[in-house]
Amino acid sequence: DKGITAKIDVTELMGSELHLHLNSDGKDVVVV
């Protein structure tokens, strides 16, 4: 609810995991 703000660019549904590619202050960040 509180932390670094980012926007979702791309999502990949991998079955048991969701990979989120975020635009975080212009940087690509991957979250699993």
mmCIF file of all heavy atoms, coordinates in Angstrom:
data_MODEL
# 
_entry.id   MODEL 
# 
loop_
_atom_site.group_PDB 
_atom_site.id 
_atom_site.type_symbol 
_atom_site.label_atom_id 
_atom_site.label_alt_id 
_atom_site.label_comp_id 
_atom_site.label_asym_id 
_atom_site.label_entity_id 
_atom_site.label_seq_id 
_atom_site.pdbx_PDB_ins_code 
_atom_site.Cartn_x 
_atom_site.Cartn_y 
_atom_site.Cartn_z 
_atom_site.occupancy 
_atom_site.B_iso_or_equiv 
_atom_site.pdbx_formal_charge 
_atom_site.auth_seq_id 
_atom_site.auth_comp_id 
_atom_site.auth_asym_id 
_atom_site.auth_atom_id 
_atom_site.pdbx_PDB_model_num 
ATOM 1   N N   . ASP A 1 1  ? 0.834  -1.206  0.000   1.00 0.00 ? 1  ASP A N   1 
ATOM 2   C CA  . ASP A 1 1  ? 0.000  0.000   0.000   1.00 0.00 ? 1  ASP A CA  1 
ATOM 3   C C   . ASP A 1 1  ? 0.867  1.254   0.000   1.00 0.00 ? 1  ASP A C   1 
ATOM 4   O O   . ASP A 1 1  ? 0.421  2.329   -0.393  1.00 0.00 ? 1  ASP A O   1 
ATOM 5   C CB  . ASP A 1 1  ? -0.914 0.011   1.233   1.00 0.00 ? 1  ASP A CB  1 
ATOM 6   C CG  . ASP A 1 1  ? -1.912 -1.142  1.200   1.00 0.00 ? 1  ASP A CG  1 
ATOM 7   O OD1 . ASP A 1 1  ? -2.312 -1.533  0.083   1.00 0.00 ? 1  ASP A OD1 1 
ATOM 8   O OD2 . ASP A 1 1  ? -2.260 -1.662  2.279   1.00 0.00 ? 1  ASP A OD2 1 
ATOM 9   N N   . LYS A 1 2  ? 2.111  1.094   0.475   1.00 0.00 ? 2  LYS A N   1 
ATOM 10  C CA  . LYS A 1 2  ? 3.007  2.242   0.578   1.00 0.00 ? 2  LYS A CA  1 
ATOM 11  C C   . LYS A 1 2  ? 4.415  1.788   0.179   1.00 0.00 ? 2  LYS A C   1 
ATOM 12  O O   . LYS A 1 2  ? 4.883  0.748   0.617   1.00 0.00 ? 2  LYS A O   1 
ATOM 13  C CB  . LYS A 1 2  ? 3.004  2.771   2.011   1.00 0.00 ? 2  LYS A CB  1 
ATOM 14  C CG  . LYS A 1 2  ? 3.781  4.053   2.205   1.00 0.00 ? 2  LYS A CG  1 
ATOM 15  C CD  . LYS A 1 2  ? 3.696  4.505   3.649   1.00 0.00 ? 2  LYS A CD  1 
ATOM 16  C CE  . LYS A 1 2  ? 4.511  5.774   3.853   1.00 0.00 ? 2  LYS A CE  1 
ATOM 17  N NZ  . LYS A 1 2  ? 4.511  6.191   5.281   1.00 0.00 ? 2  LYS A NZ  1 
ATOM 18  N N   . GLY A 1 3  ? 5.074  2.556   -0.672  1.00 0.00 ? 3  GLY A N   1 
ATOM 19  C CA  . GLY A 1 3  ? 6.420  2.194   -1.105  1.00 0.00 ? 3  GLY A CA  1 
ATOM 20  C C   . GLY A 1 3  ? 6.818  2.986   -2.333  1.00 0.00 ? 3  GLY A C   1 
ATOM 21  O O   . GLY A 1 3  ? 6.473  4.163   -2.462  1.00 0.00 ? 3  GLY A O   1 
ATOM 22  N N   . ILE A 1 4  ? 7.542  2.341   -3.272  1.00 0.00 ? 4  ILE A N   1 
ATOM 23  C CA  . ILE A 1 4  ? 7.955  2.986   -4.519  1.00 0.00 ? 4  ILE A CA  1 
ATOM 24  C C   . ILE A 1 4  ? 6.796  2.890   -5.515  1.00 0.00 ? 4  ILE A C   1 
ATOM 25  O O   . ILE A 1 4  ? 6.208  1.828   -5.701  1.00 0.00 ? 4  ILE A O   1 
ATOM 26  C CB  . ILE A 1 4  ? 9.207  2.304   -5.094  1.00 0.00 ? 4  ILE A CB  1 
ATOM 27  C CG1 . ILE A 1 4  ? 10.369 2.373   -4.094  1.00 0.00 ? 4  ILE A CG1 1 
ATOM 28  C CG2 . ILE A 1 4  ? 9.618  2.937   -6.416  1.00 0.00 ? 4  ILE A CG2 1 
ATOM 29  C CD1 . ILE A 1 4  ? 11.584 1.553   -4.482  1.00 0.00 ? 4  ILE A CD1 1 
ATOM 30  N N   . THR A 1 5  ? 6.482  4.004   -6.140  1.00 0.00 ? 5  THR A N   1 
ATOM 31  C CA  . THR A 1 5  ? 5.363  4.038   -7.090  1.00 0.00 ? 5  THR A CA  1 
ATOM 32  C C   . THR A 1 5  ? 5.841  3.627   -8.487  1.00 0.00 ? 5  THR A C   1 
ATOM 33  O O   . THR A 1 5  ? 6.911  4.042   -8.933  1.00 0.00 ? 5  THR A O   1 
ATOM 34  C CB  . THR A 1 5  ? 4.749  5.445   -7.138  1.00 0.00 ? 5  THR A CB  1 
ATOM 35  O OG1 . THR A 1 5  ? 4.296  5.801   -5.823  1.00 0.00 ? 5  THR A OG1 1 
ATOM 36  C CG2 . THR A 1 5  ? 3.566  5.498   -8.098  1.00 0.00 ? 5  THR A CG2 1 
ATOM 37  N N   . ALA A 1 6  ? 5.047  2.803   -9.158  1.00 0.00 ? 6  ALA A N   1 
ATOM 38  C CA  . ALA A 1 6  ? 5.388  2.348   -10.509 1.00 0.00 ? 6  ALA A CA  1 
ATOM 39  C C   . ALA A 1 6  ? 4.109  2.067   -11.280 1.00 0.00 ? 6  ALA A C   1 
ATOM 40  O O   . ALA A 1 6  ? 3.025  1.955   -10.702 1.00 0.00 ? 6  ALA A O   1 
ATOM 41  C CB  . ALA A 1 6  ? 6.252  1.087   -10.437 1.00 0.00 ? 6  ALA A CB  1 
ATOM 42  N N   . LYS A 1 7  ? 4.248  1.927   -12.611 1.00 0.00 ? 7  LYS A N   1 
ATOM 43  C CA  . LYS A 1 7  ? 3.105  1.624   -13.459 1.00 0.00 ? 7  LYS A CA  1 
ATOM 44  C C   . LYS A 1 7  ? 3.359  0.304   -14.181 1.00 0.00 ? 7  LYS A C   1 
ATOM 45  O O   . LYS A 1 7  ? 4.464  0.056   -14.657 1.00 0.00 ? 7  LYS A O   1 
ATOM 46  C CB  . LYS A 1 7  ? 2.892  2.752   -14.471 1.00 0.00 ? 7  LYS A CB  1 
ATOM 47  C CG  . LYS A 1 7  ? 1.600  2.611   -15.269 1.00 0.00 ? 7  LYS A CG  1 
ATOM 48  C CD  . LYS A 1 7  ? 1.419  3.796   -16.208 1.00 0.00 ? 7  LYS A CD  1 
ATOM 49  C CE  . LYS A 1 7  ? 0.132  3.652   -17.001 1.00 0.00 ? 7  LYS A CE  1 
ATOM 50  N NZ  . LYS A 1 7  ? -0.065 4.767   -17.956 1.00 0.00 ? 7  LYS A NZ  1 
ATOM 51  N N   . ILE A 1 8  ? 2.340  -0.534  -14.248 1.00 0.00 ? 8  ILE A N   1 
ATOM 52  C CA  . ILE A 1 8  ? 2.477  -1.826  -14.940 1.00 0.00 ? 8  ILE A CA  1 
ATOM 53  C C   . ILE A 1 8  ? 2.561  -1.584  -16.438 1.00 0.00 ? 8  ILE A C   1 
ATOM 54  O O   . ILE A 1 8  ? 1.718  -0.920  -17.026 1.00 0.00 ? 8  ILE A O   1 
ATOM 55  C CB  . ILE A 1 8  ? 1.279  -2.751  -14.625 1.00 0.00 ? 8  ILE A CB  1 
ATOM 56  C CG1 . ILE A 1 8  ? 1.210  -3.064  -13.127 1.00 0.00 ? 8  ILE A CG1 1 
ATOM 57  C CG2 . ILE A 1 8  ? 1.392  -4.046  -15.426 1.00 0.00 ? 8  ILE A CG2 1 
ATOM 58  C CD1 . ILE A 1 8  ? -0.035 -3.843  -12.721 1.00 0.00 ? 8  ILE A CD1 1 
ATOM 59  N N   . ASP A 1 9  ? 3.620  -2.130  -17.058 1.00 0.00 ? 9  ASP A N   1 
ATOM 60  C CA  . ASP A 1 9  ? 3.792  -2.056  -18.517 1.00 0.00 ? 9  ASP A CA  1 
ATOM 61  C C   . ASP A 1 9  ? 3.281  -3.333  -19.184 1.00 0.00 ? 9  ASP A C   1 
ATOM 62  O O   . ASP A 1 9  ? 2.490  -3.294  -20.116 1.00 0.00 ? 9  ASP A O   1 
ATOM 63  C CB  . ASP A 1 9  ? 5.276  -1.879  -18.856 1.00 0.00 ? 9  ASP A CB  1 
ATOM 64  C CG  . ASP A 1 9  ? 5.642  -0.427  -19.079 1.00 0.00 ? 9  ASP A CG  1 
ATOM 65  O OD1 . ASP A 1 9  ? 4.722  0.388   -19.186 1.00 0.00 ? 9  ASP A OD1 1 
ATOM 66  O OD2 . ASP A 1 9  ? 6.849  -0.121  -19.133 1.00 0.00 ? 9  ASP A OD2 1 
ATOM 67  N N   . VAL A 1 10 ? 3.798  -4.465  -18.702 1.00 0.00 ? 10 VAL A N   1 
ATOM 68  C CA  . VAL A 1 10 ? 3.490  -5.766  -19.301 1.00 0.00 ? 10 VAL A CA  1 
ATOM 69  C C   . VAL A 1 10 ? 3.286  -6.776  -18.184 1.00 0.00 ? 10 VAL A C   1 
ATOM 70  O O   . VAL A 1 10 ? 3.960  -6.703  -17.141 1.00 0.00 ? 10 VAL A O   1 
ATOM 71  C CB  . VAL A 1 10 ? 4.648  -6.252  -20.217 1.00 0.00 ? 10 VAL A CB  1 
ATOM 72  C CG1 . VAL A 1 10 ? 4.365  -7.642  -20.769 1.00 0.00 ? 10 VAL A CG1 1 
ATOM 73  C CG2 . VAL A 1 10 ? 4.889  -5.277  -21.356 1.00 0.00 ? 10 VAL A CG2 1 
ATOM 74  N N   . THR A 1 11 ? 2.380  -7.718  -18.374 1.00 0.00 ? 11 THR A N   1 
ATOM 75  C CA  . THR A 1 11 ? 2.214  -8.815  -17.409 1.00 0.00 ? 11 THR A CA  1 
ATOM 76  C C   . THR A 1 11 ? 2.348  -10.145 -18.133 1.00 0.00 ? 11 THR A C   1 
ATOM 77  O O   . THR A 1 11 ? 1.922  -10.281 -19.283 1.00 0.00 ? 11 THR A O   1 
ATOM 78  C CB  . THR A 1 11 ? 0.836  -8.759  -16.709 1.00 0.00 ? 11 THR A CB  1 
ATOM 79  O OG1 . THR A 1 11 ? -0.193 -8.892  -17.692 1.00 0.00 ? 11 THR A OG1 1 
ATOM 80  C CG2 . THR A 1 11 ? 0.661  -7.457  -15.947 1.00 0.00 ? 11 THR A CG2 1 
ATOM 81  N N   . GLU A 1 12 ? 2.964  -11.111 -17.461 1.00 0.00 ? 12 GLU A N   1 
ATOM 82  C CA  . GLU A 1 12 ? 3.115  -12.465 -18.002 1.00 0.00 ? 12 GLU A CA  1 
ATOM 83  C C   . GLU A 1 12 ? 2.573  -13.456 -16.983 1.00 0.00 ? 12 GLU A C   1 
ATOM 84  O O   . GLU A 1 12 ? 3.098  -13.536 -15.864 1.00 0.00 ? 12 GLU A O   1 
ATOM 85  C CB  . GLU A 1 12 ? 4.586  -12.783 -18.287 1.00 0.00 ? 12 GLU A CB  1 
ATOM 86  C CG  . GLU A 1 12 ? 5.242  -11.892 -19.316 1.00 0.00 ? 12 GLU A CG  1 
ATOM 87  C CD  . GLU A 1 12 ? 6.730  -12.171 -19.451 1.00 0.00 ? 12 GLU A CD  1 
ATOM 88  O OE1 . GLU A 1 12 ? 7.462  -11.972 -18.456 1.00 0.00 ? 12 GLU A OE1 1 
ATOM 89  O OE2 . GLU A 1 12 ? 7.159  -12.604 -20.523 1.00 0.00 ? 12 GLU A OE2 1 
ATOM 90  N N   . LEU A 1 13 ? 1.537  -14.173 -17.360 1.00 0.00 ? 13 LEU A N   1 
ATOM 91  C CA  . LEU A 1 13 ? 0.956  -15.167 -16.455 1.00 0.00 ? 13 LEU A CA  1 
ATOM 92  C C   . LEU A 1 13 ? 1.650  -16.495 -16.695 1.00 0.00 ? 13 LEU A C   1 
ATOM 93  O O   . LEU A 1 13 ? 1.578  -17.072 -17.788 1.00 0.00 ? 13 LEU A O   1 
ATOM 94  C CB  . LEU A 1 13 ? -0.551 -15.286 -16.709 1.00 0.00 ? 13 LEU A CB  1 
ATOM 95  C CG  . LEU A 1 13 ? -1.337 -16.163 -15.719 1.00 0.00 ? 13 LEU A CG  1 
ATOM 96  C CD1 . LEU A 1 13 ? -1.131 -15.702 -14.283 1.00 0.00 ? 13 LEU A CD1 1 
ATOM 97  C CD2 . LEU A 1 13 ? -2.824 -16.157 -16.078 1.00 0.00 ? 13 LEU A CD2 1 
ATOM 98  N N   . MET A 1 14 ? 2.363  -16.996 -15.684 1.00 0.00 ? 14 MET A N   1 
ATOM 99  C CA  . MET A 1 14 ? 3.194  -18.202 -15.818 1.00 0.00 ? 14 MET A CA  1 
ATOM 100 C C   . MET A 1 14 ? 2.615  -19.378 -15.038 1.00 0.00 ? 14 MET A C   1 
ATOM 101 O O   . MET A 1 14 ? 3.345  -20.228 -14.545 1.00 0.00 ? 14 MET A O   1 
ATOM 102 C CB  . MET A 1 14 ? 4.620  -17.909 -15.319 1.00 0.00 ? 14 MET A CB  1 
ATOM 103 C CG  . MET A 1 14 ? 5.226  -16.632 -15.846 1.00 0.00 ? 14 MET A CG  1 
ATOM 104 S SD  . MET A 1 14 ? 5.630  -16.705 -17.591 1.00 0.00 ? 14 MET A SD  1 
ATOM 105 C CE  . MET A 1 14 ? 7.130  -17.656 -17.547 1.00 0.00 ? 14 MET A CE  1 
ATOM 106 N N   . GLY A 1 15 ? 1.310  -19.418 -14.892 1.00 0.00 ? 15 GLY A N   1 
ATOM 107 C CA  . GLY A 1 15 ? 0.673  -20.503 -14.150 1.00 0.00 ? 15 GLY A CA  1 
ATOM 108 C C   . GLY A 1 15 ? 0.591  -20.169 -12.669 1.00 0.00 ? 15 GLY A C   1 
ATOM 109 O O   . GLY A 1 15 ? -0.340 -19.513 -12.219 1.00 0.00 ? 15 GLY A O   1 
ATOM 110 N N   . SER A 1 16 ? 1.603  -20.592 -11.919 1.00 0.00 ? 16 SER A N   1 
ATOM 111 C CA  . SER A 1 16 ? 1.588  -20.354 -10.475 1.00 0.00 ? 16 SER A CA  1 
ATOM 112 C C   . SER A 1 16 ? 2.144  -18.981 -10.109 1.00 0.00 ? 16 SER A C   1 
ATOM 113 O O   . SER A 1 16 ? 2.049  -18.556 -8.960  1.00 0.00 ? 16 SER A O   1 
ATOM 114 C CB  . SER A 1 16 ? 2.395  -21.432 -9.747  1.00 0.00 ? 16 SER A CB  1 
ATOM 115 O OG  . SER A 1 16 ? 3.744  -21.413 -10.179 1.00 0.00 ? 16 SER A OG  1 
ATOM 116 N N   . GLU A 1 17 ? 2.744  -18.284 -11.108 1.00 0.00 ? 17 GLU A N   1 
ATOM 117 C CA  . GLU A 1 17 ? 3.338  -16.973 -10.851 1.00 0.00 ? 17 GLU A CA  1 
ATOM 118 C C   . GLU A 1 17 ? 2.846  -15.946 -11.866 1.00 0.00 ? 17 GLU A C   1 
ATOM 119 O O   . GLU A 1 17 ? 2.534  -16.283 -13.001 1.00 0.00 ? 17 GLU A O   1 
ATOM 120 C CB  . GLU A 1 17 ? 4.865  -17.039 -10.939 1.00 0.00 ? 17 GLU A CB  1 
ATOM 121 C CG  . GLU A 1 17 ? 5.534  -17.882 -9.874  1.00 0.00 ? 17 GLU A CG  1 
ATOM 122 C CD  . GLU A 1 17 ? 7.027  -18.002 -10.100 1.00 0.00 ? 17 GLU A CD  1 
ATOM 123 O OE1 . GLU A 1 17 ? 7.498  -17.742 -11.238 1.00 0.00 ? 17 GLU A OE1 1 
ATOM 124 O OE2 . GLU A 1 17 ? 7.727  -18.359 -9.136  1.00 0.00 ? 17 GLU A OE2 1 
ATOM 125 N N   . LEU A 1 18 ? 2.825  -14.699 -11.420 1.00 0.00 ? 18 LEU A N   1 
ATOM 126 C CA  . LEU A 1 18 ? 2.535  -13.580 -12.312 1.00 0.00 ? 18 LEU A CA  1 
ATOM 127 C C   . LEU A 1 18 ? 3.780  -12.698 -12.361 1.00 0.00 ? 18 LEU A C   1 
ATOM 128 O O   . LEU A 1 18 ? 4.272  -12.252 -11.323 1.00 0.00 ? 18 LEU A O   1 
ATOM 129 C CB  . LEU A 1 18 ? 1.329  -12.779 -11.794 1.00 0.00 ? 18 LEU A CB  1 
ATOM 130 C CG  . LEU A 1 18 ? 0.859  -11.612 -12.667 1.00 0.00 ? 18 LEU A CG  1 
ATOM 131 C CD1 . LEU A 1 18 ? 0.349  -12.107 -14.015 1.00 0.00 ? 18 LEU A CD1 1 
ATOM 132 C CD2 . LEU A 1 18 ? -0.219 -10.802 -11.949 1.00 0.00 ? 18 LEU A CD2 1 
ATOM 133 N N   . HIS A 1 19 ? 4.321  -12.498 -13.574 1.00 0.00 ? 19 HIS A N   1 
ATOM 134 C CA  . HIS A 1 19 ? 5.491  -11.637 -13.744 1.00 0.00 ? 19 HIS A CA  1 
ATOM 135 C C   . HIS A 1 19 ? 5.011  -10.254 -14.169 1.00 0.00 ? 19 HIS A C   1 
ATOM 136 O O   . HIS A 1 19 ? 4.348  -10.117 -15.212 1.00 0.00 ? 19 HIS A O   1 
ATOM 137 C CB  . HIS A 1 19 ? 6.447  -12.202 -14.791 1.00 0.00 ? 19 HIS A CB  1 
ATOM 138 C CG  . HIS A 1 19 ? 7.116  -13.474 -14.367 1.00 0.00 ? 19 HIS A CG  1 
ATOM 139 N ND1 . HIS A 1 19 ? 8.271  -13.937 -14.947 1.00 0.00 ? 19 HIS A ND1 1 
ATOM 140 C CD2 . HIS A 1 19 ? 6.815  -14.370 -13.402 1.00 0.00 ? 19 HIS A CD2 1 
ATOM 141 C CE1 . HIS A 1 19 ? 8.643  -15.078 -14.368 1.00 0.00 ? 19 HIS A CE1 1 
ATOM 142 N NE2 . HIS A 1 19 ? 7.765  -15.353 -13.438 1.00 0.00 ? 19 HIS A NE2 1 
ATOM 143 N N   . LEU A 1 20 ? 5.335  -9.255  -13.378 1.00 0.00 ? 20 LEU A N   1 
ATOM 144 C CA  . LEU A 1 20 ? 4.951  -7.881  -13.682 1.00 0.00 ? 20 LEU A CA  1 
ATOM 145 C C   . LEU A 1 20 ? 6.174  -7.107  -14.148 1.00 0.00 ? 20 LEU A C   1 
ATOM 146 O O   . LEU A 1 20 ? 7.200  -7.072  -13.450 1.00 0.00 ? 20 LEU A O   1 
ATOM 147 C CB  . LEU A 1 20 ? 4.374  -7.201  -12.435 1.00 0.00 ? 20 LEU A CB  1 
ATOM 148 C CG  . LEU A 1 20 ? 3.189  -7.877  -11.738 1.00 0.00 ? 20 LEU A CG  1 
ATOM 149 C CD1 . LEU A 1 20 ? 2.835  -7.122  -10.474 1.00 0.00 ? 20 LEU A CD1 1 
ATOM 150 C CD2 . LEU A 1 20 ? 1.995  -7.942  -12.676 1.00 0.00 ? 20 LEU A CD2 1 
ATOM 151 N N   . HIS A 1 21 ? 6.093  -6.487  -15.321 1.00 0.00 ? 21 HIS A N   1 
ATOM 152 C CA  . HIS A 1 21 ? 7.142  -5.591  -15.800 1.00 0.00 ? 21 HIS A CA  1 
ATOM 153 C C   . HIS A 1 21 ? 6.660  -4.172  -15.521 1.00 0.00 ? 21 HIS A C   1 
ATOM 154 O O   . HIS A 1 21 ? 5.672  -3.720  -16.112 1.00 0.00 ? 21 HIS A O   1 
ATOM 155 C CB  . HIS A 1 21 ? 7.389  -5.797  -17.302 1.00 0.00 ? 21 HIS A CB  1 
ATOM 156 C CG  . HIS A 1 21 ? 7.980  -7.136  -17.613 1.00 0.00 ? 21 HIS A CG  1 
ATOM 157 N ND1 . HIS A 1 21 ? 9.317  -7.313  -17.889 1.00 0.00 ? 21 HIS A ND1 1 
ATOM 158 C CD2 . HIS A 1 21 ? 7.420  -8.366  -17.675 1.00 0.00 ? 21 HIS A CD2 1 
ATOM 159 C CE1 . HIS A 1 21 ? 9.556  -8.594  -18.130 1.00 0.00 ? 21 HIS A CE1 1 
ATOM 160 N NE2 . HIS A 1 21 ? 8.413  -9.256  -17.996 1.00 0.00 ? 21 HIS A NE2 1 
ATOM 161 N N   . LEU A 1 22 ? 7.360  -3.505  -14.628 1.00 0.00 ? 22 LEU A N   1 
ATOM 162 C CA  . LEU A 1 22 ? 6.928  -2.190  -14.173 1.00 0.00 ? 22 LEU A CA  1 
ATOM 163 C C   . LEU A 1 22 ? 7.799  -1.089  -14.758 1.00 0.00 ? 22 LEU A C   1 
ATOM 164 O O   . LEU A 1 22 ? 9.003  -1.274  -14.954 1.00 0.00 ? 22 LEU A O   1 
ATOM 165 C CB  . LEU A 1 22 ? 6.993  -2.105  -12.642 1.00 0.00 ? 22 LEU A CB  1 
ATOM 166 C CG  . LEU A 1 22 ? 6.342  -3.228  -11.836 1.00 0.00 ? 22 LEU A CG  1 
ATOM 167 C CD1 . LEU A 1 22 ? 6.550  -2.970  -10.346 1.00 0.00 ? 22 LEU A CD1 1 
ATOM 168 C CD2 . LEU A 1 22 ? 4.857  -3.345  -12.164 1.00 0.00 ? 22 LEU A CD2 1 
ATOM 169 N N   . ASN A 1 23 ? 7.162  0.065   -15.010 1.00 0.00 ? 23 ASN A N   1 
ATOM 170 C CA  . ASN A 1 23 ? 7.908  1.283   -15.317 1.00 0.00 ? 23 ASN A CA  1 
ATOM 171 C C   . ASN A 1 23 ? 8.024  2.047   -14.007 1.00 0.00 ? 23 ASN A C   1 
ATOM 172 O O   . ASN A 1 23 ? 7.065  2.619   -13.519 1.00 0.00 ? 23 ASN A O   1 
ATOM 173 C CB  . ASN A 1 23 ? 7.166  2.117   -16.367 1.00 0.00 ? 23 ASN A CB  1 
ATOM 174 C CG  . ASN A 1 23 ? 7.939  3.369   -16.756 1.00 0.00 ? 23 ASN A CG  1 
ATOM 175 O OD1 . ASN A 1 23 ? 8.739  3.889   -15.990 1.00 0.00 ? 23 ASN A OD1 1 
ATOM 176 N ND2 . ASN A 1 23 ? 7.695  3.843   -17.964 1.00 0.00 ? 23 ASN A ND2 1 
ATOM 177 N N   . SER A 1 24 ? 9.225  1.998   -13.437 1.00 0.00 ? 24 SER A N   1 
ATOM 178 C CA  . SER A 1 24 ? 9.453  2.612   -12.130 1.00 0.00 ? 24 SER A CA  1 
ATOM 179 C C   . SER A 1 24 ? 10.409 3.782   -12.302 1.00 0.00 ? 24 SER A C   1 
ATOM 180 O O   . SER A 1 24 ? 11.631 3.588   -12.394 1.00 0.00 ? 24 SER A O   1 
ATOM 181 C CB  . SER A 1 24 ? 10.039 1.571   -11.163 1.00 0.00 ? 24 SER A CB  1 
ATOM 182 O OG  . SER A 1 24 ? 10.195 2.096   -9.868  1.00 0.00 ? 24 SER A OG  1 
ATOM 183 N N   . ASP A 1 25 ? 9.842  4.980   -12.415 1.00 0.00 ? 25 ASP A N   1 
ATOM 184 C CA  . ASP A 1 25 ? 10.636 6.189   -12.640 1.00 0.00 ? 25 ASP A CA  1 
ATOM 185 C C   . ASP A 1 25 ? 11.512 6.036   -13.886 1.00 0.00 ? 25 ASP A C   1 
ATOM 186 O O   . ASP A 1 25 ? 12.707 6.362   -13.893 1.00 0.00 ? 25 ASP A O   1 
ATOM 187 C CB  . ASP A 1 25 ? 11.496 6.501   -11.410 1.00 0.00 ? 25 ASP A CB  1 
ATOM 188 C CG  . ASP A 1 25 ? 12.060 7.922   -11.441 1.00 0.00 ? 25 ASP A CG  1 
ATOM 189 O OD1 . ASP A 1 25 ? 11.465 8.767   -12.148 1.00 0.00 ? 25 ASP A OD1 1 
ATOM 190 O OD2 . ASP A 1 25 ? 13.096 8.179   -10.796 1.00 0.00 ? 25 ASP A OD2 1 
ATOM 191 N N   . GLY A 1 26 ? 10.918 5.483   -14.958 1.00 0.00 ? 26 GLY A N   1 
ATOM 192 C CA  . GLY A 1 26 ? 11.630 5.312   -16.226 1.00 0.00 ? 26 GLY A CA  1 
ATOM 193 C C   . GLY A 1 26 ? 12.475 4.058   -16.307 1.00 0.00 ? 26 GLY A C   1 
ATOM 194 O O   . GLY A 1 26 ? 13.101 3.787   -17.337 1.00 0.00 ? 26 GLY A O   1 
ATOM 195 N N   . LYS A 1 27 ? 12.514 3.279   -15.241 1.00 0.00 ? 27 LYS A N   1 
ATOM 196 C CA  . LYS A 1 27 ? 13.328 2.057   -15.218 1.00 0.00 ? 27 LYS A CA  1 
ATOM 197 C C   . LYS A 1 27 ? 12.436 0.823   -15.270 1.00 0.00 ? 27 LYS A C   1 
ATOM 198 O O   . LYS A 1 27 ? 11.386 0.782   -14.641 1.00 0.00 ? 27 LYS A O   1 
ATOM 199 C CB  . LYS A 1 27 ? 14.168 2.039   -13.926 1.00 0.00 ? 27 LYS A CB  1 
ATOM 200 C CG  . LYS A 1 27 ? 15.052 0.826   -13.807 1.00 0.00 ? 27 LYS A CG  1 
ATOM 201 C CD  . LYS A 1 27 ? 16.036 0.980   -12.673 1.00 0.00 ? 27 LYS A CD  1 
ATOM 202 C CE  . LYS A 1 27 ? 16.972 -0.215  -12.630 1.00 0.00 ? 27 LYS A CE  1 
ATOM 203 N NZ  . LYS A 1 27 ? 17.707 -0.425  -13.878 1.00 0.00 ? 27 LYS A NZ  1 
ATOM 204 N N   . ASP A 1 28 ? 12.877 -0.205  -16.044 1.00 0.00 ? 28 ASP A N   1 
ATOM 205 C CA  . ASP A 1 28 ? 12.115 -1.458  -16.121 1.00 0.00 ? 28 ASP A CA  1 
ATOM 206 C C   . ASP A 1 28 ? 12.440 -2.322  -14.906 1.00 0.00 ? 28 ASP A C   1 
ATOM 207 O O   . ASP A 1 28 ? 13.596 -2.661  -14.671 1.00 0.00 ? 28 ASP A O   1 
ATOM 208 C CB  . ASP A 1 28 ? 12.464 -2.211  -17.412 1.00 0.00 ? 28 ASP A CB  1 
ATOM 209 C CG  . ASP A 1 28 ? 11.646 -3.482  -17.563 1.00 0.00 ? 28 ASP A CG  1 
ATOM 210 O OD1 . ASP A 1 28 ? 10.419 -3.415  -17.422 1.00 0.00 ? 28 ASP A OD1 1 
ATOM 211 O OD2 . ASP A 1 28 ? 12.232 -4.552  -17.815 1.00 0.00 ? 28 ASP A OD2 1 
ATOM 212 N N   . VAL A 1 29 ? 11.433 -2.654  -14.145 1.00 0.00 ? 29 VAL A N   1 
ATOM 213 C CA  . VAL A 1 29 ? 11.592 -3.478  -12.945 1.00 0.00 ? 29 VAL A CA  1 
ATOM 214 C C   . VAL A 1 29 ? 10.679 -4.697  -13.076 1.00 0.00 ? 29 VAL A C   1 
ATOM 215 O O   . VAL A 1 29 ? 9.499  -4.553  -13.407 1.00 0.00 ? 29 VAL A O   1 
ATOM 216 C CB  . VAL A 1 29 ? 11.234 -2.689  -11.664 1.00 0.00 ? 29 VAL A CB  1 
ATOM 217 C CG1 . VAL A 1 29 ? 11.292 -3.593  -10.434 1.00 0.00 ? 29 VAL A CG1 1 
ATOM 218 C CG2 . VAL A 1 29 ? 12.173 -1.512  -11.492 1.00 0.00 ? 29 VAL A CG2 1 
ATOM 219 N N   . VAL A 1 30 ? 11.243 -5.875  -12.838 1.00 0.00 ? 30 VAL A N   1 
ATOM 220 C CA  . VAL A 1 30 ? 10.462 -7.111  -12.929 1.00 0.00 ? 30 VAL A CA  1 
ATOM 221 C C   . VAL A 1 30 ? 10.117 -7.590  -11.520 1.00 0.00 ? 30 VAL A C   1 
ATOM 222 O O   . VAL A 1 30 ? 10.990 -7.646  -10.638 1.00 0.00 ? 30 VAL A O   1 
ATOM 223 C CB  . VAL A 1 30 ? 11.236 -8.217  -13.677 1.00 0.00 ? 30 VAL A CB  1 
ATOM 224 C CG1 . VAL A 1 30 ? 10.404 -9.494  -13.748 1.00 0.00 ? 30 VAL A CG1 1 
ATOM 225 C CG2 . VAL A 1 30 ? 11.614 -7.754  -15.074 1.00 0.00 ? 30 VAL A CG2 1 
ATOM 226 N N   . VAL A 1 31 ? 8.850  -7.914  -11.316 1.00 0.00 ? 31 VAL A N   1 
ATOM 227 C CA  . VAL A 1 31 ? 8.369  -8.413  -10.025 1.00 0.00 ? 31 VAL A CA  1 
ATOM 228 C C   . VAL A 1 31 ? 7.705  -9.770  -10.263 1.00 0.00 ? 31 VAL A C   1 
ATOM 229 O O   . VAL A 1 31 ? 6.913  -9.920  -11.198 1.00 0.00 ? 31 VAL A O   1 
ATOM 230 C CB  . VAL A 1 31 ? 7.341  -7.444  -9.388  1.00 0.00 ? 31 VAL A CB  1 
ATOM 231 C CG1 . VAL A 1 31 ? 6.859  -7.979  -8.043  1.00 0.00 ? 31 VAL A CG1 1 
ATOM 232 C CG2 . VAL A 1 31 ? 7.945  -6.055  -9.224  1.00 0.00 ? 31 VAL A CG2 1 
ATOM 233 N N   . VAL A 1 32 ? 8.037  -10.749 -9.444  1.00 0.00 ? 32 VAL A N   1 
ATOM 234 C CA  . VAL A 1 32 ? 7.416  -12.077 -9.523  1.00 0.00 ? 32 VAL A CA  1 
ATOM 235 C C   . VAL A 1 32 ? 6.556  -12.271 -8.279  1.00 0.00 ? 32 VAL A C   1 
ATOM 236 O O   . VAL A 1 32 ? 7.068  -12.229 -7.154  1.00 0.00 ? 32 VAL A O   1 
ATOM 237 C CB  . VAL A 1 32 ? 8.484  -13.190 -9.609  1.00 0.00 ? 32 VAL A CB  1 
ATOM 238 C CG1 . VAL A 1 32 ? 7.820  -14.565 -9.544  1.00 0.00 ? 32 VAL A CG1 1 
ATOM 239 C CG2 . VAL A 1 32 ? 9.291  -13.065 -10.896 1.00 0.00 ? 32 VAL A CG2 1 
# 
